Amino acid sequence: MSIDYKTLTPEEIAEMLGTSPYWVREQARRGRVPHLRFGRGRIRFLPEHVDALVRLVTVEGHAPEDAPPAAASVDLGALGATVKSIRAHQRRPHVQGDTQMY
């Protein structure tokens, strides 16, 4: 009786997901996703581990029932600048010609 396992390296998963191998290893190191550890520094993943990683980073979108469609533009100008953002802008080097005063 032989069981054939296909394992994936952090580099292979990173390439599939479009992220860095460091990030994949960090998720395993922090215990956020299941993984196999063969000795010091040899991390491998089974396909179901990759599914768990994808579930970890999946953001479920939901909108209130009375919300406008996502395609509608939102006017953020009505929000105005906060005191914190004004101070941060004043500390930052200004672009030449920026004469806006707060």
PDB file of N, CA and C in Angstrom:
ATOM      1  N   MET A   1       0.854  -1.179   0.000  1.00  0.00           N
ATOM      2  CA  MET A   1       0.000   0.000   0.000  1.00  0.00           C
ATOM      3  C   MET A   1       0.898   1.239   0.000  1.00  0.00           C
ATOM      4  N   SER A   2       0.712   2.079  -0.979  1.00  0.00           N
ATOM      5  CA  SER A   2       1.535   3.267  -1.139  1.00  0.00           C
ATOM      6  C   SER A   2       0.651   4.503  -1.224  1.00  0.00           C
ATOM      7  N   ILE A   3       0.998   5.506  -0.455  1.00  0.00           N
ATOM      8  CA  ILE A   3       0.282   6.772  -0.499  1.00  0.00           C
ATOM      9  C   ILE A   3       1.218   7.787  -1.144  1.00  0.00           C
ATOM     10  N   ASP A   4       0.722   8.465  -2.161  1.00  0.00           N
ATOM     11  CA  ASP A   4       1.536   9.418  -2.900  1.00  0.00           C
ATOM     12  C   ASP A   4       1.091  10.835  -2.533  1.00  0.00           C
ATOM     13  N   TYR A   5       1.953  11.599  -1.878  1.00  0.00           N
ATOM     14  CA  TYR A   5       1.659  12.962  -1.487  1.00  0.00           C
ATOM     15  C   TYR A   5       2.381  13.931  -2.401  1.00  0.00           C
ATOM     16  N   LYS A   6       1.690  14.951  -2.830  1.00  0.00           N
ATOM     17  CA  LYS A   6       2.299  16.021  -3.609  1.00  0.00           C
ATOM     18  C   LYS A   6       2.393  17.229  -2.692  1.00  0.00           C
ATOM     19  N   THR A   7       3.605  17.615  -2.351  1.00  0.00           N
ATOM     20  CA  THR A   7       3.791  18.784  -1.490  1.00  0.00           C
ATOM     21  C   THR A   7       4.300  19.947  -2.324  1.00  0.00           C
ATOM     22  N   LEU A   8       4.053  21.141  -1.810  1.00  0.00           N
ATOM     23  CA  LEU A   8       4.469  22.372  -2.482  1.00  0.00           C
ATOM     24  C   LEU A   8       5.395  23.164  -1.582  1.00  0.00           C
ATOM     25  N   THR A   9       6.350  23.824  -2.181  1.00  0.00           N
ATOM     26  CA  THR A   9       7.272  24.674  -1.429  1.00  0.00           C
ATOM     27  C   THR A   9       6.657  26.062  -1.265  1.00  0.00           C
ATOM     28  N   PRO A  10       7.158  26.849  -0.310  1.00  0.00           N
ATOM     29  CA  PRO A  10       6.683  28.228  -0.187  1.00  0.00           C
ATOM     30  C   PRO A  10       6.901  29.027  -1.476  1.00  0.00           C
ATOM     31  N   GLU A  11       7.982  28.734  -2.191  1.00  0.00           N
ATOM     32  CA  GLU A  11       8.249  29.441  -3.448  1.00  0.00           C
ATOM     33  C   GLU A  11       7.179  29.134  -4.502  1.00  0.00           C
ATOM     34  N   GLU A  12       6.750  27.879  -4.576  1.00  0.00           N
ATOM     35  CA  GLU A  12       5.718  27.497  -5.540  1.00  0.00           C
ATOM     36  C   GLU A  12       4.382  28.147  -5.199  1.00  0.00           C
ATOM     37  N   ILE A  13       4.058  28.183  -3.924  1.00  0.00           N
ATOM     38  CA  ILE A  13       2.797  28.802  -3.503  1.00  0.00           C
ATOM     39  C   ILE A  13       2.844  30.307  -3.741  1.00  0.00           C
ATOM     40  N   ALA A  14       3.973  30.920  -3.435  1.00  0.00           N
ATOM     41  CA  ALA A  14       4.118  32.358  -3.652  1.00  0.00           C
ATOM     42  C   ALA A  14       3.931  32.699  -5.124  1.00  0.00           C
ATOM     43  N   GLU A  15       4.470  31.887  -5.990  1.00  0.00           N
ATOM     44  CA  GLU A  15       4.317  32.128  -7.427  1.00  0.00           C
ATOM     45  C   GLU A  15       2.862  31.983  -7.849  1.00  0.00           C
ATOM     46  N   MET A  16       2.175  30.978  -7.313  1.00  0.00           N
ATOM     47  CA  MET A  16       0.759  30.770  -7.644  1.00  0.00           C
ATOM     48  C   MET A  16      -0.095  31.937  -7.177  1.00  0.00           C
ATOM     49  N   LEU A  17       0.191  32.459  -5.980  1.00  0.00           N
ATOM     50  CA  LEU A  17      -0.637  33.511  -5.392  1.00  0.00           C
ATOM     51  C   LEU A  17      -0.161  34.917  -5.731  1.00  0.00           C
ATOM     52  N   GLY A  18       1.012  35.032  -6.327  1.00  0.00           N
ATOM     53  CA  GLY A  18       1.523  36.353  -6.675  1.00  0.00           C
ATOM     54  C   GLY A  18       2.026  37.117  -5.458  1.00  0.00           C
ATOM     55  N   THR A  19       2.636  36.423  -4.530  1.00  0.00           N
ATOM     56  CA  THR A  19       3.173  37.054  -3.329  1.00  0.00           C
ATOM     57  C   THR A  19       4.609  36.583  -3.135  1.00  0.00           C
ATOM     58  N   SER A  20       5.207  36.945  -2.029  1.00  0.00           N
ATOM     59  CA  SER A  20       6.599  36.563  -1.800  1.00  0.00           C
ATOM     60  C   SER A  20       6.692  35.278  -0.986  1.00  0.00           C
ATOM     61  N   PRO A  21       7.759  34.502  -1.200  1.00  0.00           N
ATOM     62  CA  PRO A  21       7.964  33.295  -0.390  1.00  0.00           C
ATOM     63  C   PRO A  21       8.093  33.627   1.095  1.00  0.00           C
ATOM     64  N   TYR A  22       8.672  34.782   1.405  1.00  0.00           N
ATOM     65  CA  TYR A  22       8.800  35.202   2.802  1.00  0.00           C
ATOM     66  C   TYR A  22       7.417  35.288   3.451  1.00  0.00           C
ATOM     67  N   TRP A  23       6.446  35.894   2.752  1.00  0.00           N
ATOM     68  CA  TRP A  23       5.106  36.059   3.306  1.00  0.00           C
ATOM     69  C   TRP A  23       4.464  34.696   3.572  1.00  0.00           C
ATOM     70  N   VAL A  24       4.631  33.765   2.641  1.00  0.00           N
ATOM     71  CA  VAL A  24       4.060  32.420   2.811  1.00  0.00           C
ATOM     72  C   VAL A  24       4.681  31.746   4.032  1.00  0.00           C
ATOM     73  N   ARG A  25       6.003  31.822   4.143  1.00  0.00           N
ATOM     74  CA  ARG A  25       6.681  31.229   5.304  1.00  0.00           C
ATOM     75  C   ARG A  25       6.237  31.880   6.608  1.00  0.00           C
ATOM     76  N   GLU A  26       6.052  33.186   6.574  1.00  0.00           N
ATOM     77  CA  GLU A  26       5.643  33.918   7.780  1.00  0.00           C
ATOM     78  C   GLU A  26       4.256  33.479   8.246  1.00  0.00           C
ATOM     79  N   GLN A  27       3.333  33.230   7.313  1.00  0.00           N
ATOM     80  CA  GLN A  27       1.998  32.755   7.699  1.00  0.00           C
ATOM     81  C   GLN A  27       2.089  31.400   8.386  1.00  0.00           C
ATOM     82  N   ALA A  28       2.981  30.535   7.890  1.00  0.00           N
ATOM     83  CA  ALA A  28       3.170  29.221   8.514  1.00  0.00           C
ATOM     84  C   ALA A  28       3.847  29.371   9.872  1.00  0.00           C
ATOM     85  N   ARG A  29       4.879  30.215   9.931  1.00  0.00           N
ATOM     86  CA  ARG A  29       5.625  30.399  11.177  1.00  0.00           C
ATOM     87  C   ARG A  29       4.722  30.914  12.295  1.00  0.00           C
ATOM     88  N   ARG A  30       3.809  31.803  11.952  1.00  0.00           N
ATOM     89  CA  ARG A  30       2.898  32.363  12.955  1.00  0.00           C
ATOM     90  C   ARG A  30       1.728  31.445  13.279  1.00  0.00           C
ATOM     91  N   GLY A  31       1.667  30.295  12.603  1.00  0.00           N
ATOM     92  CA  GLY A  31       0.612  29.326  12.893  1.00  0.00           C
ATOM     93  C   GLY A  31      -0.729  29.680  12.300  1.00  0.00           C
ATOM     94  N   ARG A  32      -0.750  30.532  11.296  1.00  0.00           N
ATOM     95  CA  ARG A  32      -2.011  30.937  10.684  1.00  0.00           C
ATOM     96  C   ARG A  32      -2.546  29.910   9.700  1.00  0.00           C
ATOM     97  N   VAL A  33      -1.651  29.106   9.137  1.00  0.00           N
ATOM     98  CA  VAL A  33      -2.078  28.079   8.180  1.00  0.00           C
ATOM     99  C   VAL A  33      -1.399  26.764   8.520  1.00  0.00           C
ATOM    100  N   PRO A  34      -2.070  25.654   8.267  1.00  0.00           N
ATOM    101  CA  PRO A  34      -1.427  24.362   8.510  1.00  0.00           C
ATOM    102  C   PRO A  34      -0.293  24.140   7.507  1.00  0.00           C
ATOM    103  N   HIS A  35       0.700  23.377   7.900  1.00  0.00           N
ATOM    104  CA  HIS A  35       1.843  23.094   7.039  1.00  0.00           C
ATOM    105  C   HIS A  35       2.598  21.891   7.577  1.00  0.00           C
ATOM    106  N   LEU A  36       3.503  21.400   6.792  1.00  0.00           N
ATOM    107  CA  LEU A  36       4.378  20.307   7.208  1.00  0.00           C
ATOM    108  C   LEU A  36       5.759  20.897   7.456  1.00  0.00           C
ATOM    109  N   ARG A  37       6.419  20.399   8.495  1.00  0.00           N
ATOM    110  CA  ARG A  37       7.769  20.888   8.796  1.00  0.00           C
ATOM    111  C   ARG A  37       8.693  19.683   8.862  1.00  0.00           C
ATOM    112  N   PHE A  38       9.631  19.651   7.932  1.00  0.00           N
ATOM    113  CA  PHE A  38      10.610  18.572   7.869  1.00  0.00           C
ATOM    114  C   PHE A  38      11.958  19.128   8.279  1.00  0.00           C
ATOM    115  N   GLY A  39      12.276  19.030   9.539  1.00  0.00           N
ATOM    116  CA  GLY A  39      13.555  19.557  10.001  1.00  0.00           C
ATOM    117  C   GLY A  39      13.541  21.074  10.079  1.00  0.00           C
ATOM    118  N   ARG A  40      14.692  21.585  10.315  1.00  0.00           N
ATOM    119  CA  ARG A  40      14.837  23.026  10.507  1.00  0.00           C
ATOM    120  C   ARG A  40      14.720  23.778   9.171  1.00  0.00           C
ATOM    121  N   GLY A  41      13.688  24.587   9.047  1.00  0.00           N
ATOM    122  CA  GLY A  41      13.532  25.446   7.892  1.00  0.00           C
ATOM    123  C   GLY A  41      12.945  24.812   6.642  1.00  0.00           C
ATOM    124  N   ARG A  42      12.608  23.541   6.683  1.00  0.00           N
ATOM    125  CA  ARG A  42      12.007  22.892   5.506  1.00  0.00           C
ATOM    126  C   ARG A  42      10.500  22.830   5.697  1.00  0.00           C
ATOM    127  N   ILE A  43       9.824  23.785   5.106  1.00  0.00           N
ATOM    128  CA  ILE A  43       8.367  23.859   5.200  1.00  0.00           C
ATOM    129  C   ILE A  43       7.785  23.396   3.874  1.00  0.00           C
ATOM    130  N   ARG A  44       6.759  22.569   3.951  1.00  0.00           N
ATOM    131  CA  ARG A  44       6.056  22.106   2.768  1.00  0.00           C
ATOM    132  C   ARG A  44       4.557  22.205   3.035  1.00  0.00           C
ATOM    133  N   PHE A  45       3.799  22.328   1.959  1.00  0.00           N
ATOM    134  CA  PHE A  45       2.357  22.466   2.053  1.00  0.00           C
ATOM    135  C   PHE A  45       1.677  21.417   1.197  1.00  0.00           C
ATOM    136  N   LEU A  46       0.566  20.896   1.710  1.00  0.00           N
ATOM    137  CA  LEU A  46      -0.305  20.022   0.938  1.00  0.00           C
ATOM    138  C   LEU A  46      -1.339  20.907   0.240  1.00  0.00           C
ATOM    139  N   PRO A  47      -1.998  20.414  -0.805  1.00  0.00           N
ATOM    140  CA  PRO A  47      -3.008  21.232  -1.483  1.00  0.00           C
ATOM    141  C   PRO A  47      -4.088  21.780  -0.544  1.00  0.00           C
ATOM    142  N   GLU A  48      -4.502  20.982   0.443  1.00  0.00           N
ATOM    143  CA  GLU A  48      -5.525  21.496   1.379  1.00  0.00           C
ATOM    144  C   GLU A  48      -4.972  22.615   2.271  1.00  0.00           C
ATOM    145  N   HIS A  49      -3.665  22.640   2.486  1.00  0.00           N
ATOM    146  CA  HIS A  49      -3.051  23.736   3.231  1.00  0.00           C
ATOM    147  C   HIS A  49      -3.108  25.024   2.417  1.00  0.00           C
ATOM    148  N   VAL A  50      -2.927  24.897   1.111  1.00  0.00           N
ATOM    149  CA  VAL A  50      -3.014  26.067   0.230  1.00  0.00           C
ATOM    150  C   VAL A  50      -4.437  26.615   0.257  1.00  0.00           C
ATOM    151  N   ASP A  51      -5.424  25.724   0.251  1.00  0.00           N
ATOM    152  CA  ASP A  51      -6.823  26.163   0.348  1.00  0.00           C
ATOM    153  C   ASP A  51      -7.059  26.940   1.641  1.00  0.00           C
ATOM    154  N   ALA A  52      -6.472  26.484   2.739  1.00  0.00           N
ATOM    155  CA  ALA A  52      -6.616  27.181   4.025  1.00  0.00           C
ATOM    156  C   ALA A  52      -5.960  28.554   3.957  1.00  0.00           C
ATOM    157  N   LEU A  53      -4.834  28.658   3.279  1.00  0.00           N
ATOM    158  CA  LEU A  53      -4.152  29.949   3.129  1.00  0.00           C
ATOM    159  C   LEU A  53      -5.002  30.911   2.318  1.00  0.00           C
ATOM    160  N   VAL A  54      -5.608  30.413   1.267  1.00  0.00           N
ATOM    161  CA  VAL A  54      -6.472  31.260   0.441  1.00  0.00           C
ATOM    162  C   VAL A  54      -7.684  31.718   1.250  1.00  0.00           C
ATOM    163  N   ARG A  55      -8.270  30.823   2.038  1.00  0.00           N
ATOM    164  CA  ARG A  55      -9.406  31.213   2.891  1.00  0.00           C
ATOM    165  C   ARG A  55      -8.995  32.271   3.904  1.00  0.00           C
ATOM    166  N   LEU A  56      -7.758  32.182   4.400  1.00  0.00           N
ATOM    167  CA  LEU A  56      -7.266  33.144   5.388  1.00  0.00           C
ATOM    168  C   LEU A  56      -7.253  34.561   4.826  1.00  0.00           C
ATOM    169  N   VAL A  57      -6.870  34.708   3.588  1.00  0.00           N
ATOM    170  CA  VAL A  57      -6.703  36.046   3.018  1.00  0.00           C
ATOM    171  C   VAL A  57      -7.880  36.496   2.166  1.00  0.00           C
ATOM    172  N   THR A  58      -8.910  35.657   2.062  1.00  0.00           N
ATOM    173  CA  THR A  58     -10.083  36.026   1.268  1.00  0.00           C
ATOM    174  C   THR A  58     -10.937  37.016   2.041  1.00  0.00           C
ATOM    175  N   VAL A  59     -11.277  38.108   1.384  1.00  0.00           N
ATOM    176  CA  VAL A  59     -12.130  39.130   1.976  1.00  0.00           C
ATOM    177  C   VAL A  59     -13.501  38.997   1.341  1.00  0.00           C
ATOM    178  N   GLU A  60     -14.482  38.732   2.172  1.00  0.00           N
ATOM    179  CA  GLU A  60     -15.850  38.603   1.684  1.00  0.00           C
ATOM    180  C   GLU A  60     -16.454  39.991   1.565  1.00  0.00           C
ATOM    181  N   GLY A  61     -16.914  40.317   0.396  1.00  0.00           N
ATOM    182  CA  GLY A  61     -17.544  41.619   0.188  1.00  0.00           C
ATOM    183  C   GLY A  61     -19.021  41.553   0.526  1.00  0.00           C
ATOM    184  N   HIS A  62     -19.493  42.574   1.185  1.00  0.00           N
ATOM    185  CA  HIS A  62     -20.911  42.681   1.463  1.00  0.00           C
ATOM    186  C   HIS A  62     -21.259  44.152   1.550  1.00  0.00           C
ATOM    187  N   ALA A  63     -22.398  44.485   1.046  1.00  0.00           N
ATOM    188  CA  ALA A  63     -22.849  45.874   1.054  1.00  0.00           C
ATOM    189  C   ALA A  63     -24.224  45.922   1.706  1.00  0.00           C
ATOM    190  N   PRO A  64     -24.515  47.004   2.394  1.00  0.00           N
ATOM    191  CA  PRO A  64     -25.864  47.148   2.950  1.00  0.00           C
ATOM    192  C   PRO A  64     -26.891  47.112   1.820  1.00  0.00           C
ATOM    193  N   GLU A  65     -28.074  46.661   2.135  1.00  0.00           N
ATOM    194  CA  GLU A  65     -29.100  46.502   1.105  1.00  0.00           C
ATOM    195  C   GLU A  65     -29.479  47.822   0.449  1.00  0.00           C
ATOM    196  N   ASP A  66     -29.384  48.932   1.186  1.00  0.00           N
ATOM    197  CA  ASP A  66     -29.769  50.227   0.622  1.00  0.00           C
ATOM    198  C   ASP A  66     -28.580  50.994   0.035  1.00  0.00           C
ATOM    199  N   ALA A  67     -27.431  50.341  -0.081  1.00  0.00           N
ATOM    200  CA  ALA A  67     -26.241  51.008  -0.617  1.00  0.00           C
ATOM    201  C   ALA A  67     -26.348  51.141  -2.128  1.00  0.00           C
ATOM    202  N   PRO A  68     -25.754  52.224  -2.678  1.00  0.00           N
ATOM    203  CA  PRO A  68     -25.773  52.376  -4.131  1.00  0.00           C
ATOM    204  C   PRO A  68     -24.892  51.317  -4.773  1.00  0.00           C
ATOM    205  N   PRO A  69     -25.074  51.055  -6.052  1.00  0.00           N
ATOM    206  CA  PRO A  69     -24.231  50.067  -6.727  1.00  0.00           C
ATOM    207  C   PRO A  69     -22.760  50.449  -6.623  1.00  0.00           C
ATOM    208  N   ALA A  70     -21.890  49.451  -6.665  1.00  0.00           N
ATOM    209  CA  ALA A  70     -20.450  49.683  -6.511  1.00  0.00           C
ATOM    210  C   ALA A  70     -19.899  50.577  -7.604  1.00  0.00           C
ATOM    211  N   ALA A  71     -20.516  50.598  -8.767  1.00  0.00           N
ATOM    212  CA  ALA A  71     -20.009  51.390  -9.882  1.00  0.00           C
ATOM    213  C   ALA A  71     -20.244  52.879  -9.670  1.00  0.00           C
ATOM    214  N   ALA A  72     -21.152  53.256  -8.768  1.00  0.00           N
ATOM    215  CA  ALA A  72     -21.430  54.676  -8.541  1.00  0.00           C
ATOM    216  C   ALA A  72     -20.239  55.344  -7.888  1.00  0.00           C
ATOM    217  N   SER A  73     -19.917  56.554  -8.335  1.00  0.00           N
ATOM    218  CA  SER A  73     -18.770  57.263  -7.764  1.00  0.00           C
ATOM    219  C   SER A  73     -19.156  57.854  -6.415  1.00  0.00           C
ATOM    220  N   VAL A  74     -18.179  58.005  -5.564  1.00  0.00           N
ATOM    221  CA  VAL A  74     -18.398  58.532  -4.223  1.00  0.00           C
ATOM    222  C   VAL A  74     -17.634  59.838  -4.105  1.00  0.00           C
ATOM    223  N   ASP A  75     -18.291  60.876  -3.612  1.00  0.00           N
ATOM    224  CA  ASP A  75     -17.648  62.168  -3.431  1.00  0.00           C
ATOM    225  C   ASP A  75     -17.006  62.205  -2.057  1.00  0.00           C
ATOM    226  N   LEU A  76     -15.670  62.086  -2.015  1.00  0.00           N
ATOM    227  CA  LEU A  76     -14.959  62.098  -0.749  1.00  0.00           C
ATOM    228  C   LEU A  76     -14.623  63.514  -0.304  1.00  0.00           C
ATOM    229  N   GLY A  77     -14.860  64.491  -1.156  1.00  0.00           N
ATOM    230  CA  GLY A  77     -14.565  65.877  -0.803  1.00  0.00           C
ATOM    231  C   GLY A  77     -15.396  66.358   0.379  1.00  0.00           C
ATOM    232  N   ALA A  78     -16.578  65.803   0.557  1.00  0.00           N
ATOM    233  CA  ALA A  78     -17.447  66.213   1.653  1.00  0.00           C
ATOM    234  C   ALA A  78     -16.893  65.805   3.006  1.00  0.00           C
ATOM    235  N   LEU A  79     -15.945  64.877   3.026  1.00  0.00           N
ATOM    236  CA  LEU A  79     -15.388  64.427   4.297  1.00  0.00           C
ATOM    237  C   LEU A  79     -14.497  65.485   4.929  1.00  0.00           C
ATOM    238  N   GLY A  80     -13.822  66.279   4.124  1.00  0.00           N
ATOM    239  CA  GLY A  80     -12.936  67.313   4.645  1.00  0.00           C
ATOM    240  C   GLY A  80     -11.664  66.733   5.223  1.00  0.00           C
ATOM    241  N   ALA A  81     -10.705  67.607   5.469  1.00  0.00           N
ATOM    242  CA  ALA A  81      -9.426  67.187   6.023  1.00  0.00           C
ATOM    243  C   ALA A  81      -9.520  67.145   7.541  1.00  0.00           C
ATOM    244  N   THR A  82      -8.849  66.175   8.126  1.00  0.00           N
ATOM    245  CA  THR A  82      -8.805  66.086   9.578  1.00  0.00           C
ATOM    246  C   THR A  82      -7.624  66.901  10.087  1.00  0.00           C
ATOM    247  N   VAL A  83      -7.631  67.188  11.353  1.00  0.00           N
ATOM    248  CA  VAL A  83      -6.527  67.927  11.957  1.00  0.00           C
ATOM    249  C   VAL A  83      -5.228  67.151  11.774  1.00  0.00           C
ATOM    250  N   LYS A  84      -5.285  65.858  11.956  1.00  0.00           N
ATOM    251  CA  LYS A  84      -4.097  65.022  11.811  1.00  0.00           C
ATOM    252  C   LYS A  84      -3.551  65.070  10.383  1.00  0.00           C
ATOM    253  N   SER A  85      -4.450  65.001   9.388  1.00  0.00           N
ATOM    254  CA  SER A  85      -3.984  65.033   8.006  1.00  0.00           C
ATOM    255  C   SER A  85      -3.427  66.405   7.630  1.00  0.00           C
ATOM    256  N   ILE A  86      -3.996  67.471   8.188  1.00  0.00           N
ATOM    257  CA  ILE A  86      -3.476  68.818   7.916  1.00  0.00           C
ATOM    258  C   ILE A  86      -2.068  68.955   8.482  1.00  0.00           C
ATOM    259  N   ARG A  87      -1.862  68.512   9.721  1.00  0.00           N
ATOM    260  CA  ARG A  87      -0.529  68.593  10.322  1.00  0.00           C
ATOM    261  C   ARG A  87       0.486  67.757   9.548  1.00  0.00           C
ATOM    262  N   ALA A  88       0.083  66.571   9.116  1.00  0.00           N
ATOM    263  CA  ALA A  88       0.986  65.720   8.338  1.00  0.00           C
ATOM    264  C   ALA A  88       1.348  66.397   7.023  1.00  0.00           C
ATOM    265  N   HIS A  89       0.383  67.061   6.394  1.00  0.00           N
ATOM    266  CA  HIS A  89       0.644  67.770   5.141  1.00  0.00           C
ATOM    267  C   HIS A  89       1.599  68.939   5.367  1.00  0.00           C
ATOM    268  N   GLN A  90       1.440  69.633   6.475  1.00  0.00           N
ATOM    269  CA  GLN A  90       2.294  70.791   6.755  1.00  0.00           C
ATOM    270  C   GLN A  90       3.723  70.369   7.070  1.00  0.00           C
ATOM    271  N   ARG A  91       3.947  69.189   7.625  1.00  0.00           N
ATOM    272  CA  ARG A  91       5.294  68.702   7.921  1.00  0.00           C
ATOM    273  C   ARG A  91       6.006  68.180   6.681  1.00  0.00           C
ATOM    274  N   ARG A  92       5.262  67.806   5.688  1.00  0.00           N
ATOM    275  CA  ARG A  92       5.796  67.189   4.483  1.00  0.00           C
ATOM    276  C   ARG A  92       6.328  68.270   3.534  1.00  0.00           C
ATOM    277  N   PRO A  93       7.442  67.996   2.823  1.00  0.00           N
ATOM    278  CA  PRO A  93       7.918  68.964   1.835  1.00  0.00           C
ATOM    279  C   PRO A  93       6.850  69.162   0.761  1.00  0.00           C
ATOM    280  N   HIS A  94       6.613  70.405   0.429  1.00  0.00           N
ATOM    281  CA  HIS A  94       5.547  70.711  -0.515  1.00  0.00           C
ATOM    282  C   HIS A  94       6.033  70.684  -1.954  1.00  0.00           C
ATOM    283  N   VAL A  95       5.100  70.356  -2.806  1.00  0.00           N
ATOM    284  CA  VAL A  95       5.378  70.378  -4.226  1.00  0.00           C
ATOM    285  C   VAL A  95       5.423  71.830  -4.655  1.00  0.00           C
ATOM    286  N   GLN A  96       6.370  72.137  -5.534  1.00  0.00           N
ATOM    287  CA  GLN A  96       6.507  73.518  -6.000  1.00  0.00           C
ATOM    288  C   GLN A  96       5.194  73.995  -6.594  1.00  0.00           C
ATOM    289  N   GLY A  97       4.753  75.162  -6.161  1.00  0.00           N
ATOM    290  CA  GLY A  97       3.497  75.713  -6.662  1.00  0.00           C
ATOM    291  C   GLY A  97       2.296  75.368  -5.794  1.00  0.00           C
ATOM    292  N   ASP A  98       2.496  74.590  -4.750  1.00  0.00           N
ATOM    293  CA  ASP A  98       1.397  74.224  -3.847  1.00  0.00           C
ATOM    294  C   ASP A  98       1.188  75.384  -2.892  1.00  0.00           C
ATOM    295  N   THR A  99       0.205  76.210  -3.166  1.00  0.00           N
ATOM    296  CA  THR A  99      -0.030  77.399  -2.330  1.00  0.00           C
ATOM    297  C   THR A  99      -1.291  77.253  -1.493  1.00  0.00           C
ATOM    298  N   GLN A 100      -1.863  76.092  -1.451  1.00  0.00           N
ATOM    299  CA  GLN A 100      -3.093  75.895  -0.692  1.00  0.00           C
ATOM    300  C   GLN A 100      -2.818  76.095   0.794  1.00  0.00           C
ATOM    301  N   MET A 101      -3.576  76.940   1.434  1.00  0.00           N
ATOM    302  CA  MET A 101      -3.433  77.215   2.861  1.00  0.00           C
ATOM    303  C   MET A 101      -4.612  76.602   3.595  1.00  0.00           C
ATOM    304  N   TYR A 102      -4.356  76.161   4.808  1.00  0.00           N
ATOM    305  CA  TYR A 102      -5.408  75.532   5.596  1.00  0.00           C
ATOM    306  C   TYR A 102      -5.842  76.430   6.703  1.00  0.00           C
TER     307      TYR A 102
END
